[in-house]
Amino acid sequence: MQYSSVKMALALVLGVAFTMAATPAGAQESGVDAARDKAKAAPASVEASLAYGQALRRAGREAEALNELRRGFGVSGGRGEVAGRMQWEIARTHIARREFEPAMATCRAMSKSPAAEAASRVCAAEAHLLWRRGTEAESELAQLANLKAPAAPASLEVQYFAKLAAGRAHELASKDADAEAAYRDAIRLADARPDAHVLLGVMLRRTGKDGLPSLKRAVELDAHDPVAQLELGRSLTPGSLESVVALERSVAERPSNTEALRALADGYVAANRLPDAKRTVETVLKLAPNDVNTHVVAGRLALAEGRPDDAIKEGELAAKLMPNVQAARLLVADAWAKKGEIDLAIEAYQAAFGLDHSDPTPLVNASAACLAAGRVTSAKAFGVRATKDFGTNGAAWNALGDALAADKDVPGAKAAYETAKKARGADAAAIDRKLSRLK
């Protein structure tokens, strides 16, 4: 079940590149411990220091990453191409800490070396994207074509990350076609890097397309990338073994990532692994006790455990922390439905849909709730609305099929189920069982 809105998905897309490694797949394949061991074994190696700093940043240990990267930069003497890469990684670490000023200062410092002037512009574009300044990012990237001698030509690596920054800027401007083109250009430049595959996969999923191949490719390239594993887990069938394993791997690589922990808790709930879900929710509550999404996840666990009153409390607390969050309203609606308070549930479902017209979940759940309460006509109405607004959504057609089947409309139910089977992510076997029961 998908609760996040398109806006939330876009926010994640725009931040995802800051948490991924800036080196090709395999550079950190053994994780933080192996990178640390290599850096300790070769303290004078700037490359080893850079790899260790990147591994620390990717694991969410930004303060330690800055210490190591500064040490490595000192070892480099500020000279050579690797020194510029070290500065760029320092800037990315500041971005991960949401520290715009030191990030931008580091990017500008890179331009003192003609060999790093192009990278400096791309670095500055990434810094602007921290605050969703797409126009400023595009302005920085436009300067790449105007660089004059003695500036060195942009390397393949710089061109690659310029395409990623351009794609993210296009997404901010709602230019999805241009963003997709930029990501695919980046893949053509360096297919063995996971970053572009992740960004493309997330964007395709957000726009209702199939992002799974791109995300699976990213994980193939770097199984230790926590963002690639997180997005793969989110894109697979909730609660499936493959999805849960991907989410577990994401958390293992970055234990403090509350986004991944919440997704894993939801995955455990969907898989009916409630003790695991409870343990994970307790961890998230310690890390982010005042986060709206944390309370939504805690409420969904309460609902799964048969505690709808507690779920309502969590949903209302989440709504108080941040009004107009669909997930909080949807949680309350599901809880009222669980209690059999169908009128209150319908009111809450309508409010949830009103907060985000891009997500069919409130309509789908409302149809199911009405059907469970014996209100077949209302169930059909919500199902019809869901399929009208989301004609390619399998869950919407499945809900309509259920309502029509309950209304003894066998031809209509069959047509709805057959349409649902053709949708991406549909459980064809489950739908076939429903079709076999139609008389």
Protein backbone atom coordinates (compact mmCIF):
# COMPACT_ATOMS: atom_id res chain seq x y z
CA MET A 1 0.00 0.00 0.00
CA GLN A 2 1.44 3.36 -1.01
CA TYR A 3 0.86 6.23 1.40
CA SER A 4 3.43 8.80 0.34
CA SER A 5 2.35 11.64 -1.91
CA VAL A 6 3.96 12.67 -5.18
CA LYS A 7 5.34 15.74 -3.44
CA MET A 8 7.05 13.59 -0.84
CA ALA A 9 8.46 11.38 -3.57
CA LEU A 10 9.83 14.38 -5.43
CA ALA A 11 11.47 15.68 -2.27
CA LEU A 12 13.26 12.39 -1.91
CA VAL A 13 14.37 12.43 -5.53
CA LEU A 14 15.88 15.86 -5.07
CA GLY A 15 17.89 14.78 -2.07
CA VAL A 16 18.91 11.32 -3.20
CA ALA A 17 22.11 12.23 -5.04
CA PHE A 18 23.63 13.72 -1.93
CA THR A 19 23.60 10.37 -0.16
CA MET A 20 25.15 8.25 -2.88
CA ALA A 21 28.78 7.44 -3.51
CA ALA A 22 30.63 9.54 -6.05
CA THR A 23 32.80 6.64 -7.18
CA PRO A 24 32.05 3.80 -9.59
CA ALA A 25 30.52 0.59 -8.31
CA GLY A 26 32.92 -1.62 -6.39
CA ALA A 27 34.99 1.20 -4.88
CA GLN A 28 33.33 0.63 -1.51
CA GLU A 29 31.89 -2.81 -2.00
CA SER A 30 32.99 -3.98 1.47
CA GLY A 31 31.41 -1.02 3.28
CA VAL A 32 32.70 1.36 5.94
CA ASP A 33 34.82 -1.15 7.82
CA ALA A 34 36.81 -2.19 4.76
CA ALA A 35 37.30 1.42 3.67
CA ARG A 36 38.52 2.31 7.15
CA ASP A 37 40.97 -0.59 7.16
CA LYS A 38 42.40 0.47 3.81
CA ALA A 39 42.78 4.07 4.97
CA LYS A 40 44.56 2.95 8.14
CA ALA A 41 46.82 0.62 6.19
CA ALA A 42 47.82 3.46 3.82
CA PRO A 43 47.58 6.74 5.76
CA ALA A 44 49.45 8.61 3.03
CA SER A 45 47.00 7.49 0.31
CA VAL A 46 44.65 10.31 -0.63
CA GLU A 47 42.54 7.90 -2.67
CA ALA A 48 42.06 5.63 0.36
CA SER A 49 41.12 8.61 2.50
CA LEU A 50 38.61 9.78 -0.10
CA ALA A 51 37.01 6.34 -0.29
CA TYR A 52 36.75 6.17 3.50
CA GLY A 53 35.23 9.64 3.71
CA GLN A 54 32.66 8.74 1.07
CA ALA A 55 31.78 5.55 2.90
CA LEU A 56 31.26 7.46 6.13
CA ARG A 57 29.03 10.04 4.42
CA ARG A 58 26.98 7.35 2.79
CA ALA A 59 26.51 5.67 6.17
CA GLY A 60 25.18 8.94 7.60
CA ARG A 61 28.28 9.65 9.69
CA GLU A 62 28.93 13.09 8.24
CA ALA A 63 30.99 14.55 11.12
CA GLU A 64 33.44 11.64 10.91
CA ALA A 65 33.46 11.97 7.14
CA LEU A 66 34.48 15.63 7.32
CA ASN A 67 37.33 14.80 9.70
CA GLU A 68 38.69 12.11 7.40
CA LEU A 69 38.26 14.15 4.23
CA ARG A 70 40.02 17.15 5.71
CA ARG A 71 42.85 14.90 6.79
CA GLY A 72 43.10 13.48 3.29
CA PHE A 73 43.01 16.94 1.73
CA GLY A 74 45.91 17.91 3.96
CA VAL A 75 47.84 14.87 2.81
CA SER A 76 47.23 15.89 -0.81
CA GLY A 77 48.75 19.29 -0.20
CA GLY A 78 45.84 20.75 -2.12
CA ARG A 79 47.44 19.68 -5.39
CA GLY A 80 46.34 17.48 -8.23
CA GLU A 81 43.06 16.14 -9.53
CA VAL A 82 42.43 14.05 -6.44
CA ALA A 83 42.56 17.17 -4.25
CA GLY A 84 39.70 18.62 -6.25
CA ARG A 85 37.71 15.43 -5.82
CA MET A 86 38.41 15.62 -2.10
CA GLN A 87 37.04 19.17 -1.94
CA TRP A 88 33.97 18.14 -3.90
CA GLU A 89 33.33 15.34 -1.44
CA ILE A 90 33.73 17.78 1.45
CA ALA A 91 31.12 20.03 -0.18
CA ARG A 92 28.76 17.06 -0.63
CA THR A 93 29.18 16.18 3.02
CA HIS A 94 28.19 19.71 4.02
CA ILE A 95 25.17 19.37 1.72
CA ALA A 96 24.23 16.12 3.45
CA ARG A 97 24.35 18.09 6.73
CA ARG A 98 22.19 20.79 5.09
CA GLU A 99 24.97 23.34 5.50
CA PHE A 100 24.67 25.52 2.41
CA GLU A 101 27.23 28.24 3.18
CA PRO A 102 30.24 25.98 3.89
CA ALA A 103 29.23 23.78 0.95
CA MET A 104 29.17 26.72 -1.44
CA ALA A 105 32.40 28.13 -0.02
CA THR A 106 34.09 24.79 -0.69
CA CYS A 107 32.72 24.67 -4.23
CA ARG A 108 34.01 28.17 -4.95
CA ALA A 109 37.41 27.31 -3.49
CA MET A 110 37.71 24.52 -6.04
CA SER A 111 37.68 27.08 -8.87
CA LYS A 112 41.12 28.37 -7.83
CA SER A 113 42.53 25.47 -9.78
CA PRO A 114 41.87 25.69 -13.56
CA ALA A 115 41.68 21.92 -13.62
CA ALA A 116 38.75 21.97 -11.21
CA GLU A 117 36.81 24.99 -12.51
CA ALA A 118 34.21 22.87 -14.33
CA ALA A 119 33.77 20.64 -11.28
CA SER A 120 33.38 23.78 -9.16
CA ARG A 121 30.37 24.83 -11.24
CA VAL A 122 28.69 21.45 -10.96
CA CYS A 123 29.45 21.40 -7.23
CA ALA A 124 27.78 24.81 -6.87
CA ALA A 125 24.75 23.55 -8.79
CA GLU A 126 24.42 20.66 -6.34
CA ALA A 127 24.63 23.10 -3.44
CA HIS A 128 21.83 25.25 -4.88
CA LEU A 129 19.65 22.16 -5.24
CA LEU A 130 19.85 21.69 -1.48
CA TRP A 131 17.41 24.60 -1.19
CA ARG A 132 15.49 23.61 -4.35
CA ARG A 133 16.97 26.50 -6.34
CA GLY A 134 16.65 24.93 -9.76
CA THR A 135 17.12 28.16 -11.70
CA GLU A 136 20.38 28.95 -9.90
CA ALA A 137 21.57 25.39 -10.46
CA GLU A 138 20.87 25.65 -14.18
CA SER A 139 22.74 28.96 -14.28
CA GLU A 140 25.82 27.33 -12.81
CA LEU A 141 25.64 24.47 -15.30
CA ALA A 142 25.23 26.91 -18.21
CA GLN A 143 28.64 28.37 -17.34
CA LEU A 144 30.32 25.10 -18.28
CA ALA A 145 30.04 26.02 -21.95
CA ASN A 146 31.64 29.40 -21.32
CA LEU A 147 34.81 28.26 -19.58
CA LYS A 148 37.90 29.63 -21.26
CA ALA A 149 41.56 28.64 -21.29
CA PRO A 150 43.44 27.75 -19.20
CA ALA A 151 40.45 25.92 -17.68
CA ALA A 152 40.61 22.19 -18.34
CA PRO A 153 37.79 20.55 -20.33
CA ALA A 154 35.11 18.94 -18.21
CA SER A 155 36.05 15.36 -17.44
CA LEU A 156 33.70 12.46 -18.00
CA GLU A 157 32.97 12.45 -14.26
CA VAL A 158 32.11 16.16 -14.28
CA GLN A 159 29.88 15.73 -17.33
CA TYR A 160 28.12 12.84 -15.60
CA PHE A 161 27.31 14.76 -12.43
CA ALA A 162 26.34 17.81 -14.48
CA LYS A 163 23.67 15.66 -16.15
CA LEU A 164 22.42 14.48 -12.76
CA ALA A 165 22.20 18.05 -11.45
CA ALA A 166 20.42 19.13 -14.65
CA GLY A 167 17.93 16.31 -14.28
CA ARG A 168 17.13 17.24 -10.72
CA ALA A 169 16.74 20.90 -11.68
CA HIS A 170 14.33 19.87 -14.44
CA GLU A 171 12.29 17.88 -11.92
CA LEU A 172 11.99 20.96 -9.74
CA ALA A 173 10.59 22.78 -12.76
CA SER A 174 8.18 19.88 -13.46
CA LYS A 175 9.97 19.17 -16.74
CA ASP A 176 9.90 15.41 -16.36
CA ALA A 177 10.68 14.62 -20.00
CA ASP A 178 13.80 16.78 -19.86
CA ALA A 179 14.77 15.22 -16.53
CA GLU A 180 14.43 11.72 -17.94
CA ALA A 181 16.54 12.67 -20.94
CA ALA A 182 19.25 14.07 -18.67
CA TYR A 183 19.36 10.93 -16.55
CA ARG A 184 19.55 8.72 -19.63
CA ASP A 185 22.36 10.89 -20.99
CA ALA A 186 24.21 10.37 -17.71
CA ILE A 187 23.75 6.62 -18.01
CA ARG A 188 25.20 6.69 -21.52
CA LEU A 189 28.22 8.56 -20.15
CA ALA A 190 28.82 6.13 -17.28
CA ASP A 191 26.53 3.12 -17.20
CA ALA A 192 28.55 1.50 -14.40
CA ARG A 193 27.67 4.21 -11.88
CA PRO A 194 24.52 3.58 -9.82
CA ASP A 195 23.50 7.23 -9.19
CA ALA A 196 21.72 7.94 -12.48
CA HIS A 197 19.94 4.59 -12.42
CA VAL A 198 18.51 5.39 -8.99
CA LEU A 199 17.37 8.88 -9.93
CA LEU A 200 15.80 7.62 -13.15
CA GLY A 201 14.06 4.75 -11.38
CA VAL A 202 12.59 7.00 -8.69
CA MET A 203 11.41 9.55 -11.26
CA LEU A 204 9.80 6.86 -13.43
CA ARG A 205 7.99 5.45 -10.39
CA ARG A 206 6.78 8.92 -9.41
CA THR A 207 5.36 9.50 -12.89
CA GLY A 208 3.55 6.16 -12.96
CA LYS A 209 6.07 4.32 -15.12
CA ASP A 210 8.11 1.21 -14.40
CA GLY A 211 11.22 2.21 -12.49
CA LEU A 212 12.08 -1.29 -11.28
CA PRO A 213 14.58 -2.16 -14.03
CA SER A 214 16.59 0.98 -13.29
CA LEU A 215 16.56 0.38 -9.54
CA LYS A 216 17.51 -3.27 -9.93
CA ARG A 217 20.38 -2.21 -12.17
CA ALA A 218 21.58 0.24 -9.51
CA VAL A 219 21.62 -2.47 -6.87
CA GLU A 220 23.46 -4.82 -9.21
CA LEU A 221 26.13 -2.16 -9.63
CA ASP A 222 26.44 -1.43 -5.92
CA ALA A 223 24.62 -3.68 -3.47
CA HIS A 224 25.86 -1.56 -0.57
CA ASP A 225 24.22 1.67 -1.75
CA PRO A 226 21.62 2.41 0.97
CA VAL A 227 19.56 4.70 -1.26
CA ALA A 228 19.40 2.23 -4.12
CA GLN A 229 18.28 -0.51 -1.73
CA LEU A 230 15.69 1.77 -0.11
CA GLU A 231 14.14 2.79 -3.42
CA LEU A 232 14.17 -0.77 -4.71
CA GLY A 233 12.41 -1.94 -1.56
CA ARG A 234 9.79 0.78 -1.93
CA SER A 235 9.13 -0.16 -5.54
CA LEU A 236 8.60 -3.87 -4.97
CA THR A 237 5.38 -5.43 -3.67
CA PRO A 238 4.97 -4.24 -0.04
CA GLY A 239 5.69 -7.04 2.41
CA SER A 240 7.26 -9.32 -0.19
CA LEU A 241 10.47 -11.07 0.77
CA GLU A 242 12.42 -9.22 -1.91
CA SER A 243 11.15 -5.85 -0.72
CA VAL A 244 11.85 -6.52 2.95
CA VAL A 245 15.35 -7.79 2.20
CA ALA A 246 16.17 -4.64 0.21
CA LEU A 247 14.91 -2.42 3.03
CA GLU A 248 16.86 -4.41 5.61
CA ARG A 249 20.01 -3.99 3.55
CA SER A 250 19.41 -0.25 3.30
CA VAL A 251 19.11 0.03 7.08
CA ALA A 252 22.17 -2.16 7.58
CA GLU A 253 24.21 0.23 5.46
CA ARG A 254 22.83 3.36 7.14
CA PRO A 255 21.32 2.49 10.53
CA SER A 256 20.38 6.08 11.39
CA ASN A 257 18.33 6.70 8.23
CA THR A 258 14.84 7.28 9.61
CA GLU A 259 13.34 7.25 6.11
CA ALA A 260 14.59 3.70 5.55
CA LEU A 261 13.61 2.60 9.06
CA ARG A 262 10.04 3.81 8.55
CA ALA A 263 9.85 2.06 5.19
CA LEU A 264 11.17 -1.12 6.81
CA ALA A 265 8.59 -0.89 9.62
CA ASP A 266 5.84 -0.59 7.00
CA GLY A 267 7.33 -3.56 5.17
CA TYR A 268 7.27 -5.66 8.31
CA VAL A 269 3.64 -4.70 8.92
CA ALA A 270 2.72 -5.67 5.36
CA ALA A 271 4.52 -8.99 5.86
CA ASN A 272 2.71 -9.49 9.20
CA ARG A 273 6.05 -9.54 11.02
CA LEU A 274 4.66 -7.43 13.83
CA PRO A 275 7.37 -8.05 16.48
CA ASP A 276 10.00 -6.90 13.95
CA ALA A 277 7.84 -3.92 13.06
CA LYS A 278 7.46 -2.98 16.72
CA ARG A 279 11.21 -3.14 17.31
CA THR A 280 11.84 -0.96 14.26
CA VAL A 281 9.19 1.59 15.23
CA GLU A 282 10.75 1.88 18.68
CA THR A 283 14.07 2.67 17.03
CA VAL A 284 12.53 5.36 14.83
CA LEU A 285 10.72 6.93 17.77
CA LYS A 286 14.05 7.31 19.56
CA LEU A 287 15.70 8.89 16.50
CA ALA A 288 12.83 11.15 15.39
CA PRO A 289 10.19 11.42 18.12
CA ASN A 290 8.66 14.61 16.71
CA ASP A 291 8.55 13.64 13.07
CA VAL A 292 5.09 13.43 11.54
CA ASN A 293 5.91 10.34 9.48
CA THR A 294 7.25 8.53 12.52
CA HIS A 295 3.89 8.81 14.24
CA VAL A 296 2.08 7.69 11.10
CA VAL A 297 4.20 4.54 10.99
CA ALA A 298 3.61 3.95 14.70
CA GLY A 299 -0.12 4.31 14.05
CA ARG A 300 -0.09 1.83 11.22
CA LEU A 301 1.60 -0.67 13.51
CA ALA A 302 -1.04 -0.04 16.17
CA LEU A 303 -3.74 -0.65 13.58
CA ALA A 304 -2.11 -3.91 12.50
CA GLU A 305 -1.97 -5.00 16.14
CA GLY A 306 -5.70 -4.38 16.55
CA ARG A 307 -5.40 -1.11 18.45
CA PRO A 308 -7.44 1.34 16.32
CA ASP A 309 -7.87 3.85 19.16
CA ASP A 310 -4.10 4.14 19.49
CA ALA A 311 -3.84 4.46 15.71
CA ILE A 312 -6.28 7.38 15.78
CA LYS A 313 -4.24 9.06 18.52
CA GLU A 314 -1.05 8.70 16.48
CA GLY A 315 -2.77 10.01 13.35
CA GLU A 316 -4.20 13.02 15.15
CA LEU A 317 -0.81 13.74 16.75
CA ALA A 318 0.83 13.57 13.33
CA ALA A 319 -1.77 15.96 11.91
CA LYS A 320 -1.13 18.35 14.76
CA LEU A 321 2.62 18.27 14.11
CA MET A 322 2.08 18.98 10.41
CA PRO A 323 -1.41 19.80 9.14
CA ASN A 324 -2.49 18.78 5.66
CA VAL A 325 -0.45 15.56 5.56
CA GLN A 326 -2.45 12.96 3.67
CA ALA A 327 -0.85 9.96 5.38
CA ALA A 328 -2.04 11.14 8.80
CA ARG A 329 -5.64 11.61 7.61
CA LEU A 330 -5.57 8.28 5.83
CA LEU A 331 -4.38 6.53 8.98
CA VAL A 332 -7.28 8.01 10.97
CA ALA A 333 -9.71 6.96 8.23
CA ASP A 334 -8.43 3.38 8.23
CA ALA A 335 -8.68 3.29 12.03
CA TRP A 336 -12.29 4.50 12.04
CA ALA A 337 -13.09 1.86 9.43
CA LYS A 338 -11.47 -0.78 11.63
CA LYS A 339 -13.72 0.32 14.49
CA GLY A 340 -16.78 0.02 12.27
CA GLU A 341 -17.45 3.78 12.34
CA ILE A 342 -18.07 3.96 8.62
CA ASP A 343 -19.50 7.51 8.51
CA LEU A 344 -16.45 8.92 10.32
CA ALA A 345 -14.21 6.81 8.11
CA ILE A 346 -15.79 8.11 4.89
CA GLU A 347 -15.42 11.68 6.08
CA ALA A 348 -11.74 11.08 6.84
CA TYR A 349 -11.11 9.30 3.52
CA GLN A 350 -12.61 12.23 1.64
CA ALA A 351 -10.44 14.64 3.61
CA ALA A 352 -7.35 12.55 2.87
CA PHE A 353 -8.04 12.49 -0.85
CA GLY A 354 -8.64 16.21 -0.79
CA LEU A 355 -5.09 16.71 0.46
CA ASP A 356 -3.51 14.84 -2.45
CA HIS A 357 -5.41 14.17 -5.63
CA SER A 358 -2.47 12.25 -7.09
CA ASP A 359 -2.87 9.24 -4.78
CA PRO A 360 -5.79 6.81 -5.24
CA THR A 361 -5.25 5.06 -1.89
CA PRO A 362 -7.98 6.98 0.02
CA LEU A 363 -10.54 6.12 -2.67
CA VAL A 364 -9.44 2.48 -2.82
CA ASN A 365 -9.51 2.08 0.96
CA ALA A 366 -12.84 3.88 1.20
CA SER A 367 -14.34 1.44 -1.31
CA ALA A 368 -13.06 -1.52 0.71
CA ALA A 369 -14.31 -0.01 3.98
CA CYS A 370 -17.78 0.60 2.58
CA LEU A 371 -17.91 -2.93 1.24
CA ALA A 372 -16.95 -4.34 4.63
CA ALA A 373 -19.72 -2.25 6.20
CA GLY A 374 -22.29 -3.59 3.73
CA ARG A 375 -22.60 -0.31 1.83
CA VAL A 376 -22.23 -1.73 -1.65
CA THR A 377 -23.54 1.33 -3.48
CA SER A 378 -21.00 3.58 -1.77
CA ALA A 379 -18.27 1.02 -2.42
CA LYS A 380 -19.09 1.10 -6.13
CA ALA A 381 -19.11 4.90 -6.15
CA PHE A 382 -15.63 5.11 -4.65
CA GLY A 383 -14.40 2.38 -7.01
CA VAL A 384 -15.78 4.18 -10.05
CA ARG A 385 -14.17 7.44 -8.93
CA ALA A 386 -10.85 5.69 -8.38
CA THR A 387 -10.82 4.09 -11.83
CA LYS A 388 -11.99 7.28 -13.49
CA ASP A 389 -9.20 9.36 -11.96
CA PHE A 390 -6.55 6.60 -12.03
CA GLY A 391 -7.30 4.50 -15.07
CA THR A 392 -4.00 2.59 -15.00
CA ASN A 393 -4.01 1.80 -11.29
CA GLY A 394 -4.50 -1.90 -10.55
CA ALA A 395 -5.66 -1.38 -6.97
CA ALA A 396 -8.42 0.94 -8.16
CA TRP A 397 -9.73 -1.60 -10.67
CA ASN A 398 -9.45 -4.40 -8.13
CA ALA A 399 -11.53 -2.39 -5.64
CA LEU A 400 -14.16 -1.72 -8.27
CA GLY A 401 -14.20 -5.42 -9.16
CA ASP A 402 -14.81 -6.33 -5.53
CA ALA A 403 -17.69 -3.88 -5.29
CA LEU A 404 -19.29 -5.06 -8.54
CA ALA A 405 -18.90 -8.69 -7.48
CA ALA A 406 -20.70 -7.91 -4.22
CA ASP A 407 -23.46 -6.27 -6.27
CA LYS A 408 -23.80 -9.50 -8.35
CA ASP A 409 -22.65 -7.68 -11.49
CA VAL A 410 -20.60 -10.60 -12.83
CA PRO A 411 -19.77 -9.15 -16.30
CA GLY A 412 -18.75 -5.82 -14.77
CA ALA A 413 -16.64 -7.49 -12.08
CA LYS A 414 -14.90 -9.69 -14.64
CA ALA A 415 -14.05 -6.70 -16.79
CA ALA A 416 -12.71 -4.78 -13.81
CA TYR A 417 -10.60 -7.70 -12.60
CA GLU A 418 -9.20 -8.32 -16.08
CA THR A 419 -8.19 -4.66 -16.30
CA ALA A 420 -6.60 -4.88 -12.85
CA LYS A 421 -4.53 -7.90 -13.95
CA LYS A 422 -2.96 -5.87 -16.75
CA ALA A 423 -1.78 -3.13 -14.39
CA ARG A 424 1.81 -2.96 -13.17
CA GLY A 425 2.36 -4.68 -9.85
CA ALA A 426 -0.94 -6.55 -9.87
CA ASP A 427 -1.22 -9.86 -8.01
CA ALA A 428 -2.49 -11.86 -10.96
CA ALA A 429 -2.86 -15.07 -8.96
CA ALA A 430 -5.07 -13.40 -6.35
CA ILE A 431 -7.21 -11.82 -9.04
CA ASP A 432 -7.56 -15.15 -10.84
CA ARG A 433 -8.89 -16.66 -7.60
CA LYS A 434 -11.51 -13.93 -7.46
CA LEU A 435 -12.44 -14.54 -11.07
CA SER A 436 -12.86 -18.25 -10.40
CA ARG A 437 -15.36 -17.51 -7.62
CA LEU A 438 -17.59 -15.33 -9.82
CA LYS A 439 -20.91 -16.94 -10.70
